[in-house]
Amino acid sequence: MSAGVLGVFGFVGMEGADLSDYLSDTQKGVKIENIKPNTVASKIGFKKNDVIISVNREAIENIEQLKIVLDKKPSMLVFGTKRGNNIIYLVSE
């Protein structure tokens, strides 16, 4: 279940992604509702319905937490991402 979609964000690393807060019985995070082709988010490897659960080993439970981490503009971003039943890591340098 996700809270309302919050549009395409211009966060560093997330350009071209429609995001929403995500909450299930066992997981919180930020859900990728949609990805625009040929954008930063698509080139990193995000896909529709991915759920970001961490960035650079920091747990991410909502869009506000994601924004705080991305606003620090780290030189490398490692996104812990739930895709289906798997956890994958997507990297942006």
N, C-alpha and C. Protein backbone atom coordinates (compact mmCIF):
# COMPACT_ATOMS: atom_id res chain seq x y z
N MET A 1 0.85 -1.16 0.00
CA MET A 1 0.00 0.00 0.00
C MET A 1 0.89 1.23 0.00
N SER A 2 0.55 2.24 -0.77
CA SER A 2 1.37 3.44 -0.81
C SER A 2 0.50 4.66 -0.58
N ALA A 3 1.11 5.67 0.02
CA ALA A 3 0.45 6.95 0.17
C ALA A 3 0.48 7.64 -1.18
N GLY A 4 -0.19 8.76 -1.33
CA GLY A 4 -0.30 9.44 -2.61
C GLY A 4 1.01 9.62 -3.36
N VAL A 5 0.95 9.56 -4.66
CA VAL A 5 2.13 9.75 -5.51
C VAL A 5 2.55 11.21 -5.42
N LEU A 6 3.86 11.43 -5.30
CA LEU A 6 4.37 12.78 -5.11
C LEU A 6 5.19 13.26 -6.29
N GLY A 7 4.74 12.99 -7.50
CA GLY A 7 5.32 13.61 -8.68
C GLY A 7 6.77 13.29 -8.97
N VAL A 8 7.26 13.85 -10.06
CA VAL A 8 8.65 13.65 -10.48
C VAL A 8 9.52 14.56 -9.63
N PHE A 9 10.51 13.98 -9.00
CA PHE A 9 11.38 14.75 -8.11
C PHE A 9 12.67 15.10 -8.79
N GLY A 10 13.24 16.23 -8.42
CA GLY A 10 14.52 16.67 -8.93
C GLY A 10 15.65 16.36 -7.98
N PHE A 11 15.45 15.44 -7.04
CA PHE A 11 16.52 15.06 -6.13
C PHE A 11 17.69 14.54 -6.95
N VAL A 12 18.89 14.86 -6.54
CA VAL A 12 20.07 14.30 -7.19
C VAL A 12 19.95 12.78 -7.15
N GLY A 13 20.06 12.15 -8.29
CA GLY A 13 19.95 10.70 -8.37
C GLY A 13 18.55 10.19 -8.63
N MET A 14 17.55 11.05 -8.50
CA MET A 14 16.18 10.58 -8.67
C MET A 14 15.43 11.32 -9.76
N GLU A 15 16.11 12.10 -10.59
CA GLU A 15 15.44 12.82 -11.66
C GLU A 15 14.75 11.82 -12.58
N GLY A 16 13.48 12.07 -12.87
CA GLY A 16 12.72 11.21 -13.78
C GLY A 16 11.92 10.13 -13.10
N ALA A 17 11.85 10.13 -11.77
CA ALA A 17 11.10 9.10 -11.06
C ALA A 17 9.92 9.71 -10.31
N ASP A 18 8.75 9.08 -10.44
CA ASP A 18 7.60 9.41 -9.62
C ASP A 18 7.70 8.57 -8.35
N LEU A 19 7.67 9.20 -7.19
CA LEU A 19 7.90 8.51 -5.92
C LEU A 19 6.69 8.60 -5.01
N SER A 20 6.55 7.61 -4.13
CA SER A 20 5.54 7.67 -3.08
C SER A 20 6.08 6.95 -1.85
N ASP A 21 5.59 7.35 -0.68
CA ASP A 21 5.93 6.62 0.54
C ASP A 21 5.33 5.23 0.43
N TYR A 22 6.05 4.22 0.92
CA TYR A 22 5.62 2.82 0.82
C TYR A 22 5.56 2.24 2.22
N LEU A 23 4.50 1.50 2.49
CA LEU A 23 4.34 0.84 3.78
C LEU A 23 3.62 -0.49 3.55
N SER A 24 4.27 -1.58 3.96
CA SER A 24 3.62 -2.89 3.94
C SER A 24 3.66 -3.42 5.36
N ASP A 25 3.19 -4.64 5.56
CA ASP A 25 3.21 -5.23 6.90
C ASP A 25 4.63 -5.39 7.43
N THR A 26 5.60 -5.53 6.53
CA THR A 26 6.97 -5.83 6.96
C THR A 26 8.02 -4.83 6.49
N GLN A 27 7.64 -3.84 5.68
CA GLN A 27 8.64 -2.99 5.05
C GLN A 27 8.15 -1.56 4.90
N LYS A 28 9.05 -0.60 5.13
CA LYS A 28 8.81 0.80 4.80
C LYS A 28 9.86 1.22 3.80
N GLY A 29 9.55 2.21 2.99
CA GLY A 29 10.51 2.70 2.03
C GLY A 29 9.89 3.73 1.12
N VAL A 30 10.51 3.92 -0.04
CA VAL A 30 10.02 4.84 -1.06
C VAL A 30 9.82 4.05 -2.34
N LYS A 31 8.60 4.05 -2.82
CA LYS A 31 8.24 3.27 -4.01
C LYS A 31 8.42 4.09 -5.28
N ILE A 32 8.98 3.45 -6.29
CA ILE A 32 9.08 4.04 -7.62
C ILE A 32 7.76 3.74 -8.33
N GLU A 33 6.94 4.76 -8.48
CA GLU A 33 5.63 4.58 -9.12
C GLU A 33 5.76 4.56 -10.64
N ASN A 34 6.70 5.32 -11.17
CA ASN A 34 6.89 5.41 -12.61
C ASN A 34 8.29 5.93 -12.89
N ILE A 35 8.84 5.56 -14.02
CA ILE A 35 10.17 6.01 -14.44
C ILE A 35 10.06 6.58 -15.85
N LYS A 36 10.59 7.76 -16.05
CA LYS A 36 10.65 8.31 -17.39
C LYS A 36 11.93 7.79 -18.07
N PRO A 37 11.83 7.41 -19.35
CA PRO A 37 13.01 6.88 -20.06
C PRO A 37 14.09 7.94 -20.23
N ASN A 38 15.33 7.47 -20.32
CA ASN A 38 16.49 8.33 -20.58
C ASN A 38 16.68 9.42 -19.53
N THR A 39 16.38 9.10 -18.28
CA THR A 39 16.59 10.03 -17.17
C THR A 39 17.65 9.44 -16.24
N VAL A 40 18.09 10.23 -15.29
CA VAL A 40 19.08 9.75 -14.33
C VAL A 40 18.58 8.49 -13.63
N ALA A 41 17.34 8.52 -13.15
CA ALA A 41 16.80 7.36 -12.42
C ALA A 41 16.76 6.11 -13.29
N SER A 42 16.39 6.24 -14.55
CA SER A 42 16.34 5.06 -15.43
C SER A 42 17.74 4.55 -15.74
N LYS A 43 18.70 5.45 -15.88
CA LYS A 43 20.07 5.04 -16.18
C LYS A 43 20.73 4.35 -14.99
N ILE A 44 20.34 4.73 -13.77
CA ILE A 44 20.83 4.03 -12.58
C ILE A 44 20.32 2.60 -12.57
N GLY A 45 19.13 2.39 -13.12
CA GLY A 45 18.57 1.05 -13.19
C GLY A 45 17.26 0.87 -12.45
N PHE A 46 16.68 1.95 -11.93
CA PHE A 46 15.40 1.83 -11.25
C PHE A 46 14.31 1.38 -12.21
N LYS A 47 13.38 0.60 -11.69
CA LYS A 47 12.23 0.13 -12.46
C LYS A 47 10.97 0.43 -11.68
N LYS A 48 9.87 0.54 -12.41
CA LYS A 48 8.57 0.76 -11.78
C LYS A 48 8.34 -0.32 -10.71
N ASN A 49 7.82 0.09 -9.57
CA ASN A 49 7.49 -0.76 -8.41
C ASN A 49 8.69 -1.14 -7.55
N ASP A 50 9.91 -0.70 -7.89
CA ASP A 50 11.04 -0.87 -6.97
C ASP A 50 10.73 -0.10 -5.70
N VAL A 51 11.27 -0.56 -4.57
CA VAL A 51 11.12 0.14 -3.30
C VAL A 51 12.51 0.40 -2.73
N ILE A 52 12.85 1.67 -2.59
CA ILE A 52 14.14 2.05 -1.99
C ILE A 52 14.02 1.88 -0.49
N ILE A 53 14.89 1.04 0.10
CA ILE A 53 14.84 0.80 1.54
C ILE A 53 16.07 1.33 2.27
N SER A 54 17.11 1.68 1.51
CA SER A 54 18.30 2.28 2.12
C SER A 54 19.09 3.05 1.07
N VAL A 55 19.87 4.01 1.56
CA VAL A 55 20.83 4.72 0.72
C VAL A 55 22.11 4.84 1.53
N ASN A 56 23.20 4.34 0.96
CA ASN A 56 24.50 4.38 1.65
C ASN A 56 24.40 3.85 3.07
N ARG A 57 23.72 2.73 3.21
CA ARG A 57 23.55 2.02 4.48
C ARG A 57 22.64 2.72 5.49
N GLU A 58 22.01 3.82 5.11
CA GLU A 58 21.04 4.49 5.98
C GLU A 58 19.65 4.00 5.58
N ALA A 59 18.89 3.53 6.57
CA ALA A 59 17.53 3.07 6.31
C ALA A 59 16.68 4.24 5.80
N ILE A 60 15.86 3.96 4.82
CA ILE A 60 14.96 4.96 4.25
C ILE A 60 13.53 4.45 4.45
N GLU A 61 12.74 5.24 5.18
CA GLU A 61 11.35 4.83 5.45
C GLU A 61 10.33 5.71 4.73
N ASN A 62 10.77 6.87 4.20
CA ASN A 62 9.82 7.75 3.52
C ASN A 62 10.58 8.74 2.63
N ILE A 63 9.84 9.51 1.86
CA ILE A 63 10.43 10.45 0.92
C ILE A 63 11.25 11.51 1.64
N GLU A 64 10.79 11.97 2.79
CA GLU A 64 11.53 13.00 3.52
C GLU A 64 12.92 12.50 3.91
N GLN A 65 13.03 11.26 4.38
CA GLN A 65 14.35 10.71 4.72
C GLN A 65 15.22 10.59 3.48
N LEU A 66 14.63 10.17 2.36
CA LEU A 66 15.39 10.07 1.11
C LEU A 66 15.92 11.44 0.71
N LYS A 67 15.08 12.46 0.80
CA LYS A 67 15.49 13.81 0.44
C LYS A 67 16.65 14.28 1.32
N ILE A 68 16.60 14.01 2.61
CA ILE A 68 17.67 14.43 3.53
C ILE A 68 19.00 13.81 3.11
N VAL A 69 18.99 12.51 2.80
CA VAL A 69 20.23 11.83 2.40
C VAL A 69 20.73 12.38 1.07
N LEU A 70 19.84 12.56 0.11
CA LEU A 70 20.26 13.03 -1.22
C LEU A 70 20.70 14.49 -1.19
N ASP A 71 20.13 15.29 -0.28
CA ASP A 71 20.54 16.69 -0.17
C ASP A 71 21.98 16.84 0.31
N LYS A 72 22.54 15.81 0.93
CA LYS A 72 23.94 15.84 1.37
C LYS A 72 24.89 15.72 0.18
N LYS A 73 24.37 15.34 -0.98
CA LYS A 73 25.13 15.20 -2.22
C LYS A 73 26.40 14.37 -2.06
N PRO A 74 26.23 13.13 -1.59
CA PRO A 74 27.41 12.27 -1.47
C PRO A 74 27.99 11.98 -2.85
N SER A 75 29.29 11.69 -2.90
CA SER A 75 29.94 11.44 -4.18
C SER A 75 29.48 10.13 -4.82
N MET A 76 29.02 9.19 -4.00
CA MET A 76 28.50 7.93 -4.51
C MET A 76 27.20 7.62 -3.77
N LEU A 77 26.25 7.07 -4.50
CA LEU A 77 24.99 6.65 -3.91
C LEU A 77 24.80 5.16 -4.15
N VAL A 78 24.57 4.42 -3.09
CA VAL A 78 24.25 3.00 -3.20
C VAL A 78 22.84 2.82 -2.64
N PHE A 79 21.91 2.52 -3.54
CA PHE A 79 20.50 2.38 -3.18
C PHE A 79 20.18 0.91 -2.90
N GLY A 80 19.84 0.59 -1.64
CA GLY A 80 19.31 -0.73 -1.32
C GLY A 80 17.87 -0.74 -1.79
N THR A 81 17.55 -1.65 -2.70
CA THR A 81 16.27 -1.60 -3.40
C THR A 81 15.60 -2.97 -3.39
N LYS A 82 14.34 -2.99 -2.97
CA LYS A 82 13.56 -4.22 -3.02
C LYS A 82 12.90 -4.30 -4.39
N ARG A 83 13.19 -5.37 -5.11
CA ARG A 83 12.58 -5.61 -6.42
C ARG A 83 11.95 -6.99 -6.35
N GLY A 84 10.62 -7.01 -6.30
CA GLY A 84 9.93 -8.28 -6.10
C GLY A 84 10.30 -8.82 -4.73
N ASN A 85 10.78 -10.06 -4.68
CA ASN A 85 11.20 -10.67 -3.42
C ASN A 85 12.69 -10.56 -3.16
N ASN A 86 13.41 -9.83 -4.02
CA ASN A 86 14.87 -9.72 -3.90
C ASN A 86 15.28 -8.34 -3.45
N ILE A 87 16.43 -8.26 -2.81
CA ILE A 87 17.07 -6.99 -2.50
C ILE A 87 18.26 -6.84 -3.45
N ILE A 88 18.29 -5.75 -4.18
CA ILE A 88 19.39 -5.47 -5.10
C ILE A 88 20.01 -4.13 -4.70
N TYR A 89 21.19 -3.87 -5.22
CA TYR A 89 21.87 -2.61 -4.95
C TYR A 89 22.14 -1.91 -6.27
N LEU A 90 21.68 -0.67 -6.36
CA LEU A 90 21.90 0.15 -7.55
C LEU A 90 22.86 1.28 -7.17
N VAL A 91 23.86 1.51 -8.01
CA VAL A 91 24.93 2.45 -7.67
C VAL A 91 24.94 3.61 -8.66
N SER A 92 25.10 4.80 -8.10
CA SER A 92 25.26 6.02 -8.90
C SER A 92 26.50 6.75 -8.42
N GLU A 93 27.40 7.07 -9.36
CA GLU A 93 28.63 7.81 -9.00
C GLU A 93 28.61 9.18 -9.63
